[in-house]
Amino acid sequence: MYTFEVQDMTCGGCAASVTRAVQRLDAAAKVEVDLAAKSVTVVSGRTLDEVRGAIADAGFPVTGAR
């Protein structure tokens, strides 16, 4: 499980875009977006860097990850 800080998310559309980006990388991924906390939690078989890259490629720079 990875948790990312994604400061540029502001609405439900942003949450949907991030979710789609991760699920294009890994269709079985579970994605939970918390807009208030500006965080995304992902359960995926892909690496942290792959998931971070998918989120960034969707236009949402990741500012922190754990």
N, C-alpha and C. Protein backbone atom coordinates (compact mmCIF):
# COMPACT_ATOMS: atom_id res chain seq x y z
N MET A 1 0.85 -1.18 0.00
CA MET A 1 0.00 0.00 0.00
C MET A 1 0.89 1.23 0.00
N TYR A 2 0.54 2.18 -0.84
CA TYR A 2 1.28 3.44 -0.94
C TYR A 2 0.33 4.59 -0.64
N THR A 3 0.84 5.63 -0.01
CA THR A 3 0.08 6.85 0.20
C THR A 3 0.87 8.01 -0.39
N PHE A 4 0.21 8.78 -1.24
CA PHE A 4 0.84 9.89 -1.94
C PHE A 4 0.20 11.20 -1.52
N GLU A 5 1.02 12.24 -1.40
CA GLU A 5 0.51 13.60 -1.21
C GLU A 5 0.41 14.22 -2.60
N VAL A 6 -0.80 14.69 -2.94
CA VAL A 6 -1.05 15.25 -4.26
C VAL A 6 -1.77 16.57 -4.05
N GLN A 7 -1.02 17.65 -3.98
CA GLN A 7 -1.56 18.96 -3.61
C GLN A 7 -2.48 19.58 -4.64
N ASP A 8 -2.37 19.22 -5.91
CA ASP A 8 -3.14 19.89 -6.96
C ASP A 8 -4.56 19.36 -7.13
N MET A 9 -4.98 18.38 -6.34
CA MET A 9 -6.35 17.86 -6.44
C MET A 9 -7.31 18.81 -5.73
N THR A 10 -8.36 19.23 -6.44
CA THR A 10 -9.29 20.18 -5.84
C THR A 10 -10.76 19.77 -5.93
N CYS A 11 -11.07 18.73 -6.73
CA CYS A 11 -12.48 18.41 -6.94
C CYS A 11 -12.66 16.93 -7.26
N GLY A 12 -13.92 16.55 -7.40
CA GLY A 12 -14.23 15.18 -7.75
C GLY A 12 -13.68 14.77 -9.11
N GLY A 13 -13.61 15.72 -10.03
CA GLY A 13 -13.03 15.42 -11.34
C GLY A 13 -11.56 15.06 -11.23
N CYS A 14 -10.86 15.78 -10.34
CA CYS A 14 -9.44 15.48 -10.11
C CYS A 14 -9.30 14.07 -9.53
N ALA A 15 -10.15 13.76 -8.57
CA ALA A 15 -10.10 12.43 -7.94
C ALA A 15 -10.36 11.34 -8.98
N ALA A 16 -11.32 11.57 -9.86
CA ALA A 16 -11.62 10.59 -10.90
C ALA A 16 -10.45 10.44 -11.87
N SER A 17 -9.80 11.53 -12.22
CA SER A 17 -8.65 11.48 -13.13
C SER A 17 -7.51 10.69 -12.54
N VAL A 18 -7.23 10.92 -11.26
CA VAL A 18 -6.16 10.20 -10.59
C VAL A 18 -6.50 8.71 -10.52
N THR A 19 -7.73 8.41 -10.17
CA THR A 19 -8.16 7.01 -10.08
C THR A 19 -8.03 6.32 -11.43
N ARG A 20 -8.49 6.97 -12.49
CA ARG A 20 -8.38 6.38 -13.84
C ARG A 20 -6.92 6.15 -14.23
N ALA A 21 -6.06 7.10 -13.91
CA ALA A 21 -4.65 6.98 -14.27
C ALA A 21 -4.01 5.77 -13.61
N VAL A 22 -4.30 5.58 -12.34
CA VAL A 22 -3.74 4.43 -11.62
C VAL A 22 -4.33 3.13 -12.15
N GLN A 23 -5.63 3.12 -12.41
CA GLN A 23 -6.27 1.89 -12.87
C GLN A 23 -5.94 1.55 -14.32
N ARG A 24 -5.47 2.52 -15.11
CA ARG A 24 -4.94 2.20 -16.44
C ARG A 24 -3.63 1.43 -16.30
N LEU A 25 -2.85 1.78 -15.28
CA LEU A 25 -1.59 1.10 -15.01
C LEU A 25 -1.84 -0.29 -14.45
N ASP A 26 -2.81 -0.40 -13.55
CA ASP A 26 -3.12 -1.66 -12.87
C ASP A 26 -4.63 -1.71 -12.66
N ALA A 27 -5.32 -2.44 -13.53
CA ALA A 27 -6.78 -2.48 -13.48
C ALA A 27 -7.32 -3.00 -12.15
N ALA A 28 -6.54 -3.79 -11.44
CA ALA A 28 -6.98 -4.35 -10.17
C ALA A 28 -6.65 -3.45 -8.97
N ALA A 29 -6.02 -2.33 -9.22
CA ALA A 29 -5.61 -1.43 -8.12
C ALA A 29 -6.83 -0.88 -7.39
N LYS A 30 -6.68 -0.74 -6.09
CA LYS A 30 -7.69 -0.08 -5.27
C LYS A 30 -7.16 1.31 -4.97
N VAL A 31 -7.96 2.32 -5.28
CA VAL A 31 -7.54 3.71 -5.15
C VAL A 31 -8.53 4.43 -4.23
N GLU A 32 -8.00 5.11 -3.23
CA GLU A 32 -8.83 5.89 -2.32
C GLU A 32 -8.28 7.31 -2.29
N VAL A 33 -9.11 8.27 -2.68
CA VAL A 33 -8.71 9.67 -2.73
C VAL A 33 -9.36 10.42 -1.59
N ASP A 34 -8.57 11.19 -0.86
CA ASP A 34 -9.07 12.06 0.21
C ASP A 34 -8.75 13.49 -0.19
N LEU A 35 -9.75 14.18 -0.76
CA LEU A 35 -9.52 15.54 -1.24
C LEU A 35 -9.15 16.50 -0.11
N ALA A 36 -9.77 16.34 1.04
CA ALA A 36 -9.50 17.25 2.17
C ALA A 36 -8.05 17.13 2.62
N ALA A 37 -7.53 15.93 2.64
CA ALA A 37 -6.15 15.69 3.07
C ALA A 37 -5.16 15.79 1.92
N LYS A 38 -5.69 15.94 0.69
CA LYS A 38 -4.83 15.98 -0.51
C LYS A 38 -3.96 14.73 -0.60
N SER A 39 -4.60 13.56 -0.36
CA SER A 39 -3.83 12.32 -0.39
C SER A 39 -4.54 11.25 -1.22
N VAL A 40 -3.73 10.34 -1.72
CA VAL A 40 -4.22 9.20 -2.50
C VAL A 40 -3.56 7.96 -1.92
N THR A 41 -4.39 6.98 -1.56
CA THR A 41 -3.88 5.70 -1.08
C THR A 41 -4.15 4.65 -2.15
N VAL A 42 -3.13 3.88 -2.48
CA VAL A 42 -3.23 2.91 -3.56
C VAL A 42 -2.74 1.56 -3.08
N VAL A 43 -3.53 0.54 -3.37
CA VAL A 43 -3.11 -0.85 -3.17
C VAL A 43 -2.94 -1.42 -4.57
N SER A 44 -1.71 -1.78 -4.91
CA SER A 44 -1.40 -2.22 -6.27
C SER A 44 -0.19 -3.14 -6.26
N GLY A 45 -0.13 -3.97 -7.27
CA GLY A 45 1.04 -4.82 -7.45
C GLY A 45 2.18 -4.11 -8.15
N ARG A 46 1.94 -2.88 -8.60
CA ARG A 46 2.98 -2.09 -9.28
C ARG A 46 3.87 -1.40 -8.25
N THR A 47 5.04 -0.97 -8.68
CA THR A 47 5.98 -0.33 -7.77
C THR A 47 5.53 1.09 -7.42
N LEU A 48 6.06 1.61 -6.34
CA LEU A 48 5.77 2.97 -5.91
C LEU A 48 6.09 3.95 -7.03
N ASP A 49 7.23 3.80 -7.67
CA ASP A 49 7.63 4.71 -8.74
C ASP A 49 6.69 4.63 -9.94
N GLU A 50 6.21 3.44 -10.27
CA GLU A 50 5.28 3.30 -11.40
C GLU A 50 3.96 4.02 -11.09
N VAL A 51 3.46 3.84 -9.88
CA VAL A 51 2.19 4.47 -9.51
C VAL A 51 2.37 5.99 -9.43
N ARG A 52 3.47 6.42 -8.82
CA ARG A 52 3.75 7.87 -8.75
C ARG A 52 3.81 8.45 -10.16
N GLY A 53 4.45 7.76 -11.07
CA GLY A 53 4.57 8.23 -12.45
C GLY A 53 3.23 8.32 -13.15
N ALA A 54 2.36 7.36 -12.91
CA ALA A 54 1.02 7.39 -13.53
C ALA A 54 0.23 8.60 -13.05
N ILE A 55 0.33 8.89 -11.75
CA ILE A 55 -0.38 10.05 -11.20
C ILE A 55 0.21 11.34 -11.78
N ALA A 56 1.52 11.42 -11.82
CA ALA A 56 2.18 12.62 -12.36
C ALA A 56 1.86 12.80 -13.85
N ASP A 57 1.86 11.71 -14.61
CA ASP A 57 1.56 11.78 -16.04
C ASP A 57 0.13 12.26 -16.29
N ALA A 58 -0.75 12.07 -15.31
CA ALA A 58 -2.14 12.54 -15.43
C ALA A 58 -2.25 14.03 -15.11
N GLY A 59 -1.11 14.65 -14.75
CA GLY A 59 -1.12 16.08 -14.49
C GLY A 59 -1.18 16.47 -13.02
N PHE A 60 -0.92 15.51 -12.14
CA PHE A 60 -0.99 15.75 -10.71
C PHE A 60 0.34 15.39 -10.07
N PRO A 61 1.25 16.35 -9.93
CA PRO A 61 2.55 16.08 -9.34
C PRO A 61 2.42 15.56 -7.91
N VAL A 62 3.18 14.54 -7.62
CA VAL A 62 3.20 13.94 -6.28
C VAL A 62 4.25 14.68 -5.46
N THR A 63 3.85 15.21 -4.31
CA THR A 63 4.78 15.97 -3.49
C THR A 63 5.38 15.15 -2.34
N GLY A 64 4.82 13.99 -2.09
CA GLY A 64 5.35 13.11 -1.05
C GLY A 64 4.77 11.72 -1.23
N ALA A 65 5.49 10.72 -0.74
CA ALA A 65 5.01 9.34 -0.86
C ALA A 65 5.54 8.50 0.29
N ARG A 66 4.71 7.56 0.68
CA ARG A 66 5.16 6.62 1.71
C ARG A 66 4.46 5.30 1.52
